[in-house]
Amino acid sequence: MAVTLIATGGSAPALAYTEAVQGTGNSAPWFDFDKNPSSALNSTLTAYVSVGGVRYRISQRAGSGNGSTNECLSNQGWLPNGYYWADGRDSTRFEHINKTWGNEVVRGWVWNLGSKKCSGSTTRTELFIHSQGTSGWTNSNYSSNGCIKINQTDRSHLHNRFNAAYDKSNGFLQVVS
């Protein structure tokens, strides 16, 4: 069964996530961020999440950075390639938290990704998967300071699925271009 959510009116996005059942079984959630080199603000975040023995594939538009494809450009470039682990095996994280401090754009339910060294010598810090935080959403709002940014409808649905997921403490994110 595939479900497509379409939101209309107000400042809500015109199109939101798609979700499909991928089978049965339980495994730790993993996210895949597929960077679009032609348009950094029009990339794809896909989450594979098991809830109650059902495996879901949730796909949504996502942006990263301010349009620059330079992963070493702090607070502007897109998220560095590689893995972000929940178990803290390196300086990365994959931790789902309700962030109530700091930059008001990066608030609410977010995935804290920690720090990551880019392909050069720069270490990128304060990396997250987030939406618009405490302010409103517009469809042109996929720009960030180097994080992965999704719309608020998608974040809400992804939060609910992730919160109910099997073995979420062992999830991870893979970033590829």
Protein backbone atom coordinates (compact mmCIF):
# COMPACT_ATOMS: atom_id res chain seq x y z
CA MET A 1 0.00 0.00 0.00
CA ALA A 2 1.45 3.37 -1.01
CA VAL A 3 0.29 6.61 0.55
CA THR A 4 0.92 10.07 -0.84
CA LEU A 5 0.16 13.08 1.32
CA ILE A 6 -0.72 16.33 -0.39
CA ALA A 7 -1.10 19.42 1.76
CA THR A 8 -2.79 22.57 0.51
CA GLY A 9 -3.58 26.08 1.69
CA GLY A 10 -1.84 28.56 3.95
CA SER A 11 1.92 28.35 4.13
CA ALA A 12 1.95 24.53 3.97
CA PRO A 13 3.96 22.91 1.19
CA ALA A 14 2.18 21.96 -2.02
CA LEU A 15 3.68 18.45 -2.03
CA ALA A 16 4.92 16.46 0.90
CA TYR A 17 6.35 12.99 1.55
CA THR A 18 5.46 9.71 -0.09
CA GLU A 19 5.31 6.51 1.93
CA ALA A 20 5.20 2.89 0.80
CA VAL A 21 5.26 -0.43 2.63
CA GLN A 22 8.49 -2.26 1.71
CA GLY A 23 7.69 -5.55 3.41
CA THR A 24 7.73 -7.04 6.87
CA GLY A 25 10.35 -7.51 9.55
CA ASN A 26 12.23 -5.33 11.96
CA SER A 27 15.54 -3.58 11.49
CA ALA A 28 17.10 -0.40 12.81
CA PRO A 29 16.05 2.71 10.87
CA TRP A 30 18.36 4.18 8.30
CA PHE A 31 18.12 7.35 6.29
CA ASP A 32 19.64 7.98 2.87
CA PHE A 33 20.30 11.54 1.72
CA ASP A 34 20.83 11.60 -2.03
CA LYS A 35 22.30 14.95 -3.03
CA ASN A 36 21.16 16.45 -6.31
CA PRO A 37 24.30 18.04 -7.87
CA SER A 38 22.11 20.07 -10.26
CA SER A 39 20.10 21.58 -7.41
CA ALA A 40 21.34 21.25 -3.81
CA LEU A 41 17.99 22.52 -2.50
CA ASN A 42 16.05 19.88 -4.44
CA SER A 43 17.62 16.66 -3.14
CA THR A 44 15.93 13.59 -1.60
CA LEU A 45 15.85 12.22 1.94
CA THR A 46 14.57 8.64 2.15
CA ALA A 47 13.95 6.90 5.47
CA TYR A 48 13.53 3.16 5.98
CA VAL A 49 11.72 2.60 9.27
CA SER A 50 10.24 -0.56 10.86
CA VAL A 51 7.15 -0.06 12.99
CA GLY A 52 5.26 -3.03 14.42
CA GLY A 53 6.93 -5.48 12.04
CA VAL A 54 6.12 -3.41 8.92
CA ARG A 55 8.97 -1.81 6.98
CA TYR A 56 8.17 1.63 5.53
CA ARG A 57 10.00 3.66 2.89
CA ILE A 58 9.36 7.39 3.38
CA SER A 59 10.72 9.72 0.70
CA GLN A 60 10.70 13.51 0.71
CA ARG A 61 12.27 16.55 -0.86
CA ALA A 62 15.16 17.97 1.14
CA GLY A 63 17.67 20.75 0.75
CA SER A 64 21.16 21.11 2.15
CA GLY A 65 23.16 24.30 2.49
CA ASN A 66 22.35 27.54 0.71
CA GLY A 67 22.71 26.14 -2.82
CA SER A 68 26.47 25.58 -2.75
CA THR A 69 27.64 22.03 -3.48
CA ASN A 70 30.95 22.61 -1.63
CA GLU A 71 30.73 20.33 1.42
CA CYS A 72 33.74 22.06 3.04
CA LEU A 73 32.10 25.50 3.05
CA SER A 74 31.02 25.97 6.69
CA ASN A 75 27.50 27.31 7.27
CA GLN A 76 26.83 27.37 3.51
CA GLY A 77 27.75 24.15 1.70
CA TRP A 78 25.79 20.95 1.70
CA LEU A 79 26.24 18.16 4.21
CA PRO A 80 29.49 16.16 3.89
CA ASN A 81 29.22 12.67 2.34
CA GLY A 82 29.55 9.61 4.51
CA TYR A 83 27.83 7.92 7.43
CA TYR A 84 26.38 9.49 10.57
CA TRP A 85 26.11 6.93 13.37
CA ALA A 86 23.85 6.70 16.43
CA ASP A 87 26.51 4.86 18.42
CA GLY A 88 29.02 7.73 18.33
CA ARG A 89 31.83 5.70 16.70
CA ASP A 90 33.26 8.96 15.35
CA SER A 91 32.32 12.60 15.85
CA THR A 92 29.02 12.05 14.02
CA ARG A 93 25.66 11.42 15.66
CA PHE A 94 22.23 10.23 14.59
CA GLU A 95 20.24 11.30 17.60
CA HIS A 96 16.55 12.28 17.52
CA ILE A 97 15.95 15.10 20.02
CA ASN A 98 13.47 17.86 20.81
CA LYS A 99 15.79 20.86 20.48
CA THR A 100 14.64 23.92 22.45
CA TRP A 101 17.82 26.06 22.44
CA GLY A 102 20.05 27.91 20.00
CA ASN A 103 19.12 29.03 16.51
CA GLU A 104 15.31 29.31 16.36
CA VAL A 105 15.26 27.78 12.86
CA VAL A 106 16.81 24.55 14.22
CA ARG A 107 14.24 23.82 16.92
CA GLY A 108 11.58 21.23 17.57
CA TRP A 109 12.10 17.57 16.66
CA VAL A 110 15.43 17.31 14.86
CA TRP A 111 18.07 14.67 14.19
CA ASN A 112 21.39 15.82 15.65
CA LEU A 113 24.16 14.70 13.28
CA GLY A 114 27.11 15.99 15.32
CA SER A 115 30.28 16.96 13.45
CA LYS A 116 31.85 15.61 10.26
CA LYS A 117 35.14 16.20 8.48
CA CYS A 118 34.53 17.08 4.85
CA SER A 119 36.64 15.84 1.93
CA GLY A 120 39.17 18.61 2.70
CA SER A 121 40.52 19.49 6.14
CA THR A 122 37.46 21.38 7.45
CA THR A 123 35.37 19.85 10.22
CA ARG A 124 31.72 20.83 9.89
CA THR A 125 29.88 21.26 13.20
CA GLU A 126 26.31 21.69 14.44
CA LEU A 127 24.76 19.53 11.72
CA PHE A 128 21.08 18.53 11.86
CA ILE A 129 18.10 17.24 9.92
CA HIS A 130 15.46 19.86 10.68
CA SER A 131 12.59 21.95 9.40
CA GLN A 132 11.82 25.61 10.00
CA GLY A 133 11.68 25.46 13.80
CA THR A 134 9.59 28.16 15.40
CA SER A 135 8.84 30.21 12.28
CA GLY A 136 6.57 29.40 9.34
CA TRP A 137 7.26 27.33 6.26
CA THR A 138 7.27 28.33 2.59
CA ASN A 139 8.08 26.12 -0.39
CA SER A 140 11.24 28.10 -1.13
CA ASN A 141 12.53 27.39 2.37
CA TYR A 142 14.82 24.40 1.74
CA SER A 143 17.96 26.50 2.29
CA SER A 144 19.99 25.96 5.48
CA ASN A 145 23.41 26.67 6.97
CA GLY A 146 24.68 23.27 5.84
CA CYS A 147 22.15 20.94 7.44
CA ILE A 148 19.49 18.79 5.77
CA LYS A 149 16.22 20.70 5.73
CA ILE A 150 12.77 19.18 5.16
CA ASN A 151 9.33 20.75 5.29
CA GLN A 152 7.28 20.74 8.49
CA THR A 153 4.67 18.26 7.26
CA ASP A 154 7.41 15.77 6.38
CA ARG A 155 9.25 16.33 9.65
CA SER A 156 6.08 15.72 11.65
CA HIS A 157 5.32 12.44 9.87
CA LEU A 158 8.94 11.28 9.98
CA HIS A 159 9.12 12.12 13.70
CA ASN A 160 6.00 10.05 14.41
CA ARG A 161 7.27 7.03 12.45
CA PHE A 162 10.78 7.30 13.89
CA ASN A 163 9.48 7.71 17.44
CA ALA A 164 7.62 4.38 17.10
CA ALA A 165 10.44 2.64 15.21
CA TYR A 166 12.10 -0.62 16.11
CA ASP A 167 15.67 -0.27 17.46
CA LYS A 168 15.89 3.48 16.74
CA SER A 169 18.92 3.82 19.00
CA ASN A 170 20.96 1.98 16.33
CA GLY A 171 19.85 4.01 13.29
CA PHE A 172 22.14 5.83 10.89
CA LEU A 173 22.25 8.27 7.99
CA GLN A 174 24.13 7.73 4.73
CA VAL A 175 24.89 10.84 2.63
CA VAL A 176 25.81 10.33 -1.04
CA SER A 177 26.15 12.53 -4.11
